[in-house]
């Protein structure tokens, strides 16, 4: 986690300009981390997320939760932006 934080790269998480507004997404998908966090806050279980998003793996969710926990301000800002839209 420390190496990822210092290098600005996160295993399984990608930020691509022009894809989902440059938000952090699960590798090779257009599934933003903030969306998974939002669904989790609404009561979605990991089993539900894995069933509803068949391209996701348990490792993807682990990476998303880790990223979200270390980038709380970024995720909160994205959630607020989506709520205002």
PDB file of N, CA and C in Angstrom:
ATOM      1  N   UNK A   1       0.820  -1.181   0.000  1.00  0.00           N
ATOM      2  CA  UNK A   1       0.000   0.000   0.000  1.00  0.00           C
ATOM      3  C   UNK A   1       0.871   1.254   0.000  1.00  0.00           C
ATOM      4  N   UNK A   2       1.935   1.263   0.790  1.00  0.00           N
ATOM      5  CA  UNK A   2       2.820   2.421   0.845  1.00  0.00           C
ATOM      6  C   UNK A   2       3.452   2.688  -0.513  1.00  0.00           C
ATOM      7  N   UNK A   3       3.918   1.648  -1.188  1.00  0.00           N
ATOM      8  CA  UNK A   3       4.541   1.808  -2.493  1.00  0.00           C
ATOM      9  C   UNK A   3       3.535   2.375  -3.483  1.00  0.00           C
ATOM     10  N   UNK A   4       2.305   1.852  -3.462  1.00  0.00           N
ATOM     11  CA  UNK A   4       1.268   2.354  -4.358  1.00  0.00           C
ATOM     12  C   UNK A   4       0.983   3.815  -4.090  1.00  0.00           C
ATOM     13  N   UNK A   5       0.884   4.161  -2.836  1.00  0.00           N
ATOM     14  CA  UNK A   5       0.592   5.539  -2.455  1.00  0.00           C
ATOM     15  C   UNK A   5       1.697   6.482  -2.912  1.00  0.00           C
ATOM     16  N   UNK A   6       2.932   6.096  -2.700  1.00  0.00           N
ATOM     17  CA  UNK A   6       4.052   6.957  -3.063  1.00  0.00           C
ATOM     18  C   UNK A   6       4.243   7.052  -4.576  1.00  0.00           C
ATOM     19  N   UNK A   7       3.955   5.981  -5.287  1.00  0.00           N
ATOM     20  CA  UNK A   7       4.165   5.985  -6.730  1.00  0.00           C
ATOM     21  C   UNK A   7       2.964   6.521  -7.492  1.00  0.00           C
ATOM     22  N   UNK A   8       1.806   6.587  -6.837  1.00  0.00           N
ATOM     23  CA  UNK A   8       0.602   7.067  -7.508  1.00  0.00           C
ATOM     24  C   UNK A   8      -0.035   6.029  -8.416  1.00  0.00           C
ATOM     25  N   UNK A   9       0.411   4.789  -8.312  1.00  0.00           N
ATOM     26  CA  UNK A   9      -0.187   3.715  -9.100  1.00  0.00           C
ATOM     27  C   UNK A   9      -0.824   2.711  -8.150  1.00  0.00           C
ATOM     28  N   UNK A  10      -1.935   2.162  -8.568  1.00  0.00           N
ATOM     29  CA  UNK A  10      -2.668   1.220  -7.726  1.00  0.00           C
ATOM     30  C   UNK A  10      -2.975  -0.028  -8.533  1.00  0.00           C
ATOM     31  N   UNK A  11      -2.661  -1.162  -7.976  1.00  0.00           N
ATOM     32  CA  UNK A  11      -2.908  -2.430  -8.643  1.00  0.00           C
ATOM     33  C   UNK A  11      -4.400  -2.540  -8.936  1.00  0.00           C
ATOM     34  N   UNK A  12      -4.715  -2.760 -10.190  1.00  0.00           N
ATOM     35  CA  UNK A  12      -6.103  -2.989 -10.580  1.00  0.00           C
ATOM     36  C   UNK A  12      -6.949  -1.743 -10.713  1.00  0.00           C
ATOM     37  N   UNK A  13      -6.379  -0.564 -10.498  1.00  0.00           N
ATOM     38  CA  UNK A  13      -7.124   0.685 -10.602  1.00  0.00           C
ATOM     39  C   UNK A  13      -6.463   1.536 -11.683  1.00  0.00           C
ATOM     40  N   UNK A  14      -7.283   2.081 -12.576  1.00  0.00           N
ATOM     41  CA  UNK A  14      -6.761   2.903 -13.666  1.00  0.00           C
ATOM     42  C   UNK A  14      -7.494   4.232 -13.723  1.00  0.00           C
ATOM     43  N   UNK A  15      -6.762   5.274 -14.032  1.00  0.00           N
ATOM     44  CA  UNK A  15      -7.338   6.585 -14.327  1.00  0.00           C
ATOM     45  C   UNK A  15      -6.940   6.904 -15.756  1.00  0.00           C
ATOM     46  N   UNK A  16      -7.933   7.037 -16.627  1.00  0.00           N
ATOM     47  CA  UNK A  16      -7.666   7.299 -18.026  1.00  0.00           C
ATOM     48  C   UNK A  16      -8.423   8.546 -18.450  1.00  0.00           C
ATOM     49  N   UNK A  17      -7.708   9.513 -18.947  1.00  0.00           N
ATOM     50  CA  UNK A  17      -8.336  10.731 -19.425  1.00  0.00           C
ATOM     51  C   UNK A  17      -9.369  10.366 -20.499  1.00  0.00           C
ATOM     52  N   UNK A  18     -10.557  10.913 -20.379  1.00  0.00           N
ATOM     53  CA  UNK A  18     -11.607  10.638 -21.352  1.00  0.00           C
ATOM     54  C   UNK A  18     -12.459   9.422 -21.031  1.00  0.00           C
ATOM     55  N   UNK A  19     -12.102   8.681 -20.008  1.00  0.00           N
ATOM     56  CA  UNK A  19     -12.894   7.524 -19.586  1.00  0.00           C
ATOM     57  C   UNK A  19     -13.488   7.840 -18.228  1.00  0.00           C
ATOM     58  N   UNK A  20     -14.794   7.907 -18.168  1.00  0.00           N
ATOM     59  CA  UNK A  20     -15.513   8.212 -16.924  1.00  0.00           C
ATOM     60  C   UNK A  20     -14.970   9.483 -16.272  1.00  0.00           C
ATOM     61  N   UNK A  21     -14.682  10.481 -17.101  1.00  0.00           N
ATOM     62  CA  UNK A  21     -14.214  11.760 -16.589  1.00  0.00           C
ATOM     63  C   UNK A  21     -12.849  11.694 -15.918  1.00  0.00           C
ATOM     64  N   UNK A  22     -12.101  10.653 -16.188  1.00  0.00           N
ATOM     65  CA  UNK A  22     -10.787  10.494 -15.565  1.00  0.00           C
ATOM     66  C   UNK A  22     -10.838   9.937 -14.155  1.00  0.00           C
ATOM     67  N   UNK A  23     -12.051   9.524 -13.715  1.00  0.00           N
ATOM     68  CA  UNK A  23     -12.190   8.942 -12.377  1.00  0.00           C
ATOM     69  C   UNK A  23     -11.464   7.605 -12.291  1.00  0.00           C
ATOM     70  N   UNK A  24     -11.091   7.232 -11.082  1.00  0.00           N
ATOM     71  CA  UNK A  24     -10.450   5.937 -10.841  1.00  0.00           C
ATOM     72  C   UNK A  24     -11.449   4.823 -11.139  1.00  0.00           C
ATOM     73  N   UNK A  25     -11.065   3.911 -12.020  1.00  0.00           N
ATOM     74  CA  UNK A  25     -11.923   2.796 -12.420  1.00  0.00           C
ATOM     75  C   UNK A  25     -11.206   1.471 -12.198  1.00  0.00           C
ATOM     76  N   UNK A  26     -11.999   0.423 -12.119  1.00  0.00           N
ATOM     77  CA  UNK A  26     -11.446  -0.927 -12.068  1.00  0.00           C
ATOM     78  C   UNK A  26     -10.748  -1.209 -13.393  1.00  0.00           C
ATOM     79  N   UNK A  27      -9.612  -1.848 -13.327  1.00  0.00           N
ATOM     80  CA  UNK A  27      -8.794  -2.125 -14.514  1.00  0.00           C
ATOM     81  C   UNK A  27      -9.650  -2.667 -15.669  1.00  0.00           C
ATOM     82  N   UNK A  28      -9.380  -2.144 -16.852  1.00  0.00           N
ATOM     83  CA  UNK A  28      -9.989  -2.592 -18.105  1.00  0.00           C
ATOM     84  C   UNK A  28     -11.516  -2.563 -18.089  1.00  0.00           C
ATOM     85  N   UNK A  29     -12.108  -1.676 -17.293  1.00  0.00           N
ATOM     86  CA  UNK A  29     -13.561  -1.505 -17.288  1.00  0.00           C
ATOM     87  C   UNK A  29     -13.864  -0.017 -17.240  1.00  0.00           C
ATOM     88  N   UNK A  30     -15.114   0.296 -17.314  1.00  0.00           N
ATOM     89  CA  UNK A  30     -15.583   1.668 -17.102  1.00  0.00           C
ATOM     90  C   UNK A  30     -16.355   1.731 -15.791  1.00  0.00           C
ATOM     91  N   UNK A  31     -15.991   0.898 -14.830  1.00  0.00           N
ATOM     92  CA  UNK A  31     -16.662   0.861 -13.525  1.00  0.00           C
ATOM     93  C   UNK A  31     -15.850   1.703 -12.547  1.00  0.00           C
ATOM     94  N   UNK A  32     -16.375   2.901 -12.206  1.00  0.00           N
ATOM     95  CA  UNK A  32     -15.623   3.764 -11.293  1.00  0.00           C
ATOM     96  C   UNK A  32     -15.678   3.266  -9.852  1.00  0.00           C
ATOM     97  N   UNK A  33     -14.607   3.515  -9.140  1.00  0.00           N
ATOM     98  CA  UNK A  33     -14.521   3.124  -7.729  1.00  0.00           C
ATOM     99  C   UNK A  33     -15.638   3.798  -6.939  1.00  0.00           C
ATOM    100  N   UNK A  34     -15.922   5.074  -7.242  1.00  0.00           N
ATOM    101  CA  UNK A  34     -16.965   5.781  -6.492  1.00  0.00           C
ATOM    102  C   UNK A  34     -18.314   5.091  -6.623  1.00  0.00           C
ATOM    103  N   UNK A  35     -18.597   4.482  -7.779  1.00  0.00           N
ATOM    104  CA  UNK A  35     -19.868   3.783  -7.969  1.00  0.00           C
ATOM    105  C   UNK A  35     -19.955   2.574  -7.036  1.00  0.00           C
ATOM    106  N   UNK A  36     -18.883   1.819  -6.955  1.00  0.00           N
ATOM    107  CA  UNK A  36     -18.870   0.656  -6.071  1.00  0.00           C
ATOM    108  C   UNK A  36     -19.017   1.086  -4.613  1.00  0.00           C
ATOM    109  N   UNK A  37     -18.346   2.177  -4.246  1.00  0.00           N
ATOM    110  CA  UNK A  37     -18.462   2.699  -2.881  1.00  0.00           C
ATOM    111  C   UNK A  37     -19.906   3.122  -2.619  1.00  0.00           C
ATOM    112  N   UNK A  38     -20.514   3.798  -3.570  1.00  0.00           N
ATOM    113  CA  UNK A  38     -21.902   4.245  -3.420  1.00  0.00           C
ATOM    114  C   UNK A  38     -22.838   3.057  -3.234  1.00  0.00           C
ATOM    115  N   UNK A  39     -22.669   2.048  -4.062  1.00  0.00           N
ATOM    116  CA  UNK A  39     -23.521   0.860  -3.952  1.00  0.00           C
ATOM    117  C   UNK A  39     -23.325   0.169  -2.609  1.00  0.00           C
ATOM    118  N   UNK A  40     -22.098   0.118  -2.167  1.00  0.00           N
ATOM    119  CA  UNK A  40     -21.795  -0.491  -0.866  1.00  0.00           C
ATOM    120  C   UNK A  40     -22.463   0.295   0.263  1.00  0.00           C
ATOM    121  N   UNK A  41     -22.412   1.626   0.166  1.00  0.00           N
ATOM    122  CA  UNK A  41     -23.053   2.474   1.173  1.00  0.00           C
ATOM    123  C   UNK A  41     -24.568   2.277   1.190  1.00  0.00           C
ATOM    124  N   UNK A  42     -25.116   1.895   0.058  1.00  0.00           N
ATOM    125  CA  UNK A  42     -26.560   1.667  -0.054  1.00  0.00           C
ATOM    126  C   UNK A  42     -26.951   0.256   0.374  1.00  0.00           C
ATOM    127  N   UNK A  43     -25.963  -0.530   0.781  1.00  0.00           N
ATOM    128  CA  UNK A  43     -26.252  -1.854   1.315  1.00  0.00           C
ATOM    129  C   UNK A  43     -25.929  -3.025   0.415  1.00  0.00           C
ATOM    130  N   UNK A  44     -25.354  -2.760  -0.756  1.00  0.00           N
ATOM    131  CA  UNK A  44     -24.992  -3.856  -1.656  1.00  0.00           C
ATOM    132  C   UNK A  44     -23.863  -4.677  -1.030  1.00  0.00           C
ATOM    133  N   UNK A  45     -24.011  -5.966  -1.079  1.00  0.00           N
ATOM    134  CA  UNK A  45     -22.968  -6.859  -0.584  1.00  0.00           C
ATOM    135  C   UNK A  45     -21.947  -7.129  -1.693  1.00  0.00           C
ATOM    136  N   UNK A  46     -20.807  -7.646  -1.309  1.00  0.00           N
ATOM    137  CA  UNK A  46     -19.813  -8.003  -2.316  1.00  0.00           C
ATOM    138  C   UNK A  46     -20.359  -9.086  -3.240  1.00  0.00           C
ATOM    139  N   UNK A  47     -21.114 -10.013  -2.698  1.00  0.00           N
ATOM    140  CA  UNK A  47     -21.709 -11.072  -3.528  1.00  0.00           C
ATOM    141  C   UNK A  47     -22.635 -10.464  -4.573  1.00  0.00           C
ATOM    142  N   UNK A  48     -23.431  -9.475  -4.168  1.00  0.00           N
ATOM    143  CA  UNK A  48     -24.327  -8.803  -5.110  1.00  0.00           C
ATOM    144  C   UNK A  48     -23.529  -8.099  -6.194  1.00  0.00           C
ATOM    145  N   UNK A  49     -22.479  -7.380  -5.799  1.00  0.00           N
ATOM    146  CA  UNK A  49     -21.666  -6.649  -6.777  1.00  0.00           C
ATOM    147  C   UNK A  49     -21.020  -7.611  -7.776  1.00  0.00           C
ATOM    148  N   UNK A  50     -20.502  -8.710  -7.286  1.00  0.00           N
ATOM    149  CA  UNK A  50     -19.865  -9.687  -8.174  1.00  0.00           C
ATOM    150  C   UNK A  50     -20.880 -10.323  -9.124  1.00  0.00           C
ATOM    151  N   UNK A  51     -22.098 -10.494  -8.653  1.00  0.00           N
ATOM    152  CA  UNK A  51     -23.150 -11.060  -9.508  1.00  0.00           C
ATOM    153  C   UNK A  51     -23.641 -10.022 -10.518  1.00  0.00           C
ATOM    154  N   UNK A  52     -23.801  -8.785 -10.063  1.00  0.00           N
ATOM    155  CA  UNK A  52     -24.347  -7.733 -10.915  1.00  0.00           C
ATOM    156  C   UNK A  52     -23.326  -7.216 -11.931  1.00  0.00           C
ATOM    157  N   UNK A  53     -22.052  -7.331 -11.606  1.00  0.00           N
ATOM    158  CA  UNK A  53     -20.972  -6.905 -12.495  1.00  0.00           C
ATOM    159  C   UNK A  53     -20.064  -8.104 -12.759  1.00  0.00           C
ATOM    160  N   UNK A  54     -20.432  -8.952 -13.709  1.00  0.00           N
ATOM    161  CA  UNK A  54     -19.695 -10.209 -13.919  1.00  0.00           C
ATOM    162  C   UNK A  54     -18.231 -10.026 -14.331  1.00  0.00           C
ATOM    163  N   UNK A  55     -17.858  -8.835 -14.799  1.00  0.00           N
ATOM    164  CA  UNK A  55     -16.449  -8.604 -15.142  1.00  0.00           C
ATOM    165  C   UNK A  55     -15.578  -8.371 -13.916  1.00  0.00           C
ATOM    166  N   UNK A  56     -16.208  -8.124 -12.760  1.00  0.00           N
ATOM    167  CA  UNK A  56     -15.464  -7.889 -11.520  1.00  0.00           C
ATOM    168  C   UNK A  56     -15.042  -9.192 -10.863  1.00  0.00           C
ATOM    169  N   UNK A  57     -13.919  -9.114 -10.168  1.00  0.00           N
ATOM    170  CA  UNK A  57     -13.455 -10.242  -9.360  1.00  0.00           C
ATOM    171  C   UNK A  57     -13.393  -9.787  -7.902  1.00  0.00           C
ATOM    172  N   UNK A  58     -13.237 -10.732  -7.012  1.00  0.00           N
ATOM    173  CA  UNK A  58     -13.082 -10.397  -5.597  1.00  0.00           C
ATOM    174  C   UNK A  58     -11.846  -9.522  -5.402  1.00  0.00           C
ATOM    175  N   UNK A  59     -10.788  -9.776  -6.146  1.00  0.00           N
ATOM    176  CA  UNK A  59      -9.573  -8.953  -6.064  1.00  0.00           C
ATOM    177  C   UNK A  59      -9.858  -7.521  -6.501  1.00  0.00           C
ATOM    178  N   UNK A  60     -10.715  -7.360  -7.517  1.00  0.00           N
ATOM    179  CA  UNK A  60     -11.083  -6.008  -7.951  1.00  0.00           C
ATOM    180  C   UNK A  60     -11.757  -5.238  -6.822  1.00  0.00           C
ATOM    181  N   UNK A  61     -12.646  -5.900  -6.108  1.00  0.00           N
ATOM    182  CA  UNK A  61     -13.330  -5.241  -4.997  1.00  0.00           C
ATOM    183  C   UNK A  61     -12.341  -4.884  -3.890  1.00  0.00           C
ATOM    184  N   UNK A  62     -11.447  -5.791  -3.593  1.00  0.00           N
ATOM    185  CA  UNK A  62     -10.422  -5.512  -2.583  1.00  0.00           C
ATOM    186  C   UNK A  62      -9.606  -4.290  -2.983  1.00  0.00           C
ATOM    187  N   UNK A  63      -9.200  -4.229  -4.249  1.00  0.00           N
ATOM    188  CA  UNK A  63      -8.439  -3.083  -4.743  1.00  0.00           C
ATOM    189  C   UNK A  63      -9.262  -1.801  -4.657  1.00  0.00           C
ATOM    190  N   UNK A  64     -10.546  -1.881  -4.986  1.00  0.00           N
ATOM    191  CA  UNK A  64     -11.421  -0.704  -4.925  1.00  0.00           C
ATOM    192  C   UNK A  64     -11.553  -0.195  -3.496  1.00  0.00           C
ATOM    193  N   UNK A  65     -11.774  -1.099  -2.550  1.00  0.00           N
ATOM    194  CA  UNK A  65     -11.930  -0.677  -1.146  1.00  0.00           C
ATOM    195  C   UNK A  65     -10.633  -0.060  -0.624  1.00  0.00           C
ATOM    196  N   UNK A  66      -9.511  -0.641  -0.997  1.00  0.00           N
ATOM    197  CA  UNK A  66      -8.222  -0.096  -0.572  1.00  0.00           C
ATOM    198  C   UNK A  66      -8.007   1.291  -1.166  1.00  0.00           C
ATOM    199  N   UNK A  67      -8.276   1.427  -2.443  1.00  0.00           N
ATOM    200  CA  UNK A  67      -8.126   2.728  -3.091  1.00  0.00           C
ATOM    201  C   UNK A  67      -9.044   3.754  -2.432  1.00  0.00           C
ATOM    202  N   UNK A  68     -10.294   3.382  -2.223  1.00  0.00           N
ATOM    203  CA  UNK A  68     -11.263   4.304  -1.620  1.00  0.00           C
ATOM    204  C   UNK A  68     -10.838   4.719  -0.216  1.00  0.00           C
ATOM    205  N   UNK A  69     -10.279   3.791   0.545  1.00  0.00           N
ATOM    206  CA  UNK A  69      -9.886   4.119   1.915  1.00  0.00           C
ATOM    207  C   UNK A  69      -8.697   5.059   1.964  1.00  0.00           C
ATOM    208  N   UNK A  70      -7.872   5.052   0.933  1.00  0.00           N
ATOM    209  CA  UNK A  70      -6.698   5.918   0.911  1.00  0.00           C
ATOM    210  C   UNK A  70      -6.921   7.194   0.091  1.00  0.00           C
ATOM    211  N   UNK A  71      -8.073   7.291  -0.561  1.00  0.00           N
ATOM    212  CA  UNK A  71      -8.417   8.470  -1.369  1.00  0.00           C
ATOM    213  C   UNK A  71      -9.827   8.943  -1.004  1.00  0.00           C
ATOM    214  N   UNK A  72     -10.082   9.050   0.279  1.00  0.00           N
ATOM    215  CA  UNK A  72     -11.426   9.366   0.759  1.00  0.00           C
ATOM    216  C   UNK A  72     -11.945  10.692   0.219  1.00  0.00           C
ATOM    217  N   UNK A  73     -11.140  11.723   0.197  1.00  0.00           N
ATOM    218  CA  UNK A  73     -11.593  13.030  -0.281  1.00  0.00           C
ATOM    219  C   UNK A  73     -11.974  12.965  -1.763  1.00  0.00           C
ATOM    220  N   UNK A  74     -11.172  12.266  -2.547  1.00  0.00           N
ATOM    221  CA  UNK A  74     -11.457  12.119  -3.981  1.00  0.00           C
ATOM    222  C   UNK A  74     -12.779  11.387  -4.203  1.00  0.00           C
ATOM    223  N   UNK A  75     -12.982  10.302  -3.479  1.00  0.00           N
ATOM    224  CA  UNK A  75     -14.200   9.507  -3.641  1.00  0.00           C
ATOM    225  C   UNK A  75     -15.415  10.302  -3.163  1.00  0.00           C
ATOM    226  N   UNK A  76     -15.276  10.989  -2.042  1.00  0.00           N
ATOM    227  CA  UNK A  76     -16.380  11.796  -1.513  1.00  0.00           C
ATOM    228  C   UNK A  76     -16.765  12.903  -2.493  1.00  0.00           C
ATOM    229  N   UNK A  77     -15.778  13.541  -3.097  1.00  0.00           N
ATOM    230  CA  UNK A  77     -16.041  14.589  -4.089  1.00  0.00           C
ATOM    231  C   UNK A  77     -16.777  14.019  -5.299  1.00  0.00           C
ATOM    232  N   UNK A  78     -16.373  12.852  -5.747  1.00  0.00           N
ATOM    233  CA  UNK A  78     -17.039  12.209  -6.892  1.00  0.00           C
ATOM    234  C   UNK A  78     -18.477  11.848  -6.532  1.00  0.00           C
ATOM    235  N   UNK A  79     -18.698  11.350  -5.328  1.00  0.00           N
ATOM    236  CA  UNK A  79     -20.055  11.003  -4.888  1.00  0.00           C
ATOM    237  C   UNK A  79     -20.937  12.251  -4.824  1.00  0.00           C
ATOM    238  N   UNK A  80     -20.393  13.341  -4.323  1.00  0.00           N
ATOM    239  CA  UNK A  80     -21.153  14.578  -4.245  1.00  0.00           C
ATOM    240  C   UNK A  80     -21.447  15.128  -5.643  1.00  0.00           C
ATOM    241  N   UNK A  81     -20.489  15.009  -6.541  1.00  0.00           N
ATOM    242  CA  UNK A  81     -20.698  15.461  -7.918  1.00  0.00           C
ATOM    243  C   UNK A  81     -21.814  14.652  -8.583  1.00  0.00           C
ATOM    244  N   UNK A  82     -21.833  13.351  -8.351  1.00  0.00           N
ATOM    245  CA  UNK A  82     -22.871  12.511  -8.944  1.00  0.00           C
ATOM    246  C   UNK A  82     -24.249  12.813  -8.342  1.00  0.00           C
ATOM    247  N   UNK A  83     -24.281  13.116  -7.043  1.00  0.00           N
ATOM    248  CA  UNK A  83     -25.545  13.436  -6.397  1.00  0.00           C
ATOM    249  C   UNK A  83     -26.124  14.738  -6.927  1.00  0.00           C
ATOM    250  N   UNK A  84     -25.251  15.660  -7.297  1.00  0.00           N
ATOM    251  CA  UNK A  84     -25.697  16.952  -7.815  1.00  0.00           C
ATOM    252  C   UNK A  84     -26.127  16.873  -9.281  1.00  0.00           C
ATOM    253  N   UNK A  85     -25.708  15.831  -9.966  1.00  0.00           N
ATOM    254  CA  UNK A  85     -26.007  15.703 -11.412  1.00  0.00           C
ATOM    255  C   UNK A  85     -27.427  15.256 -11.666  1.00  0.00           C
TER     256      UNK A  85
END
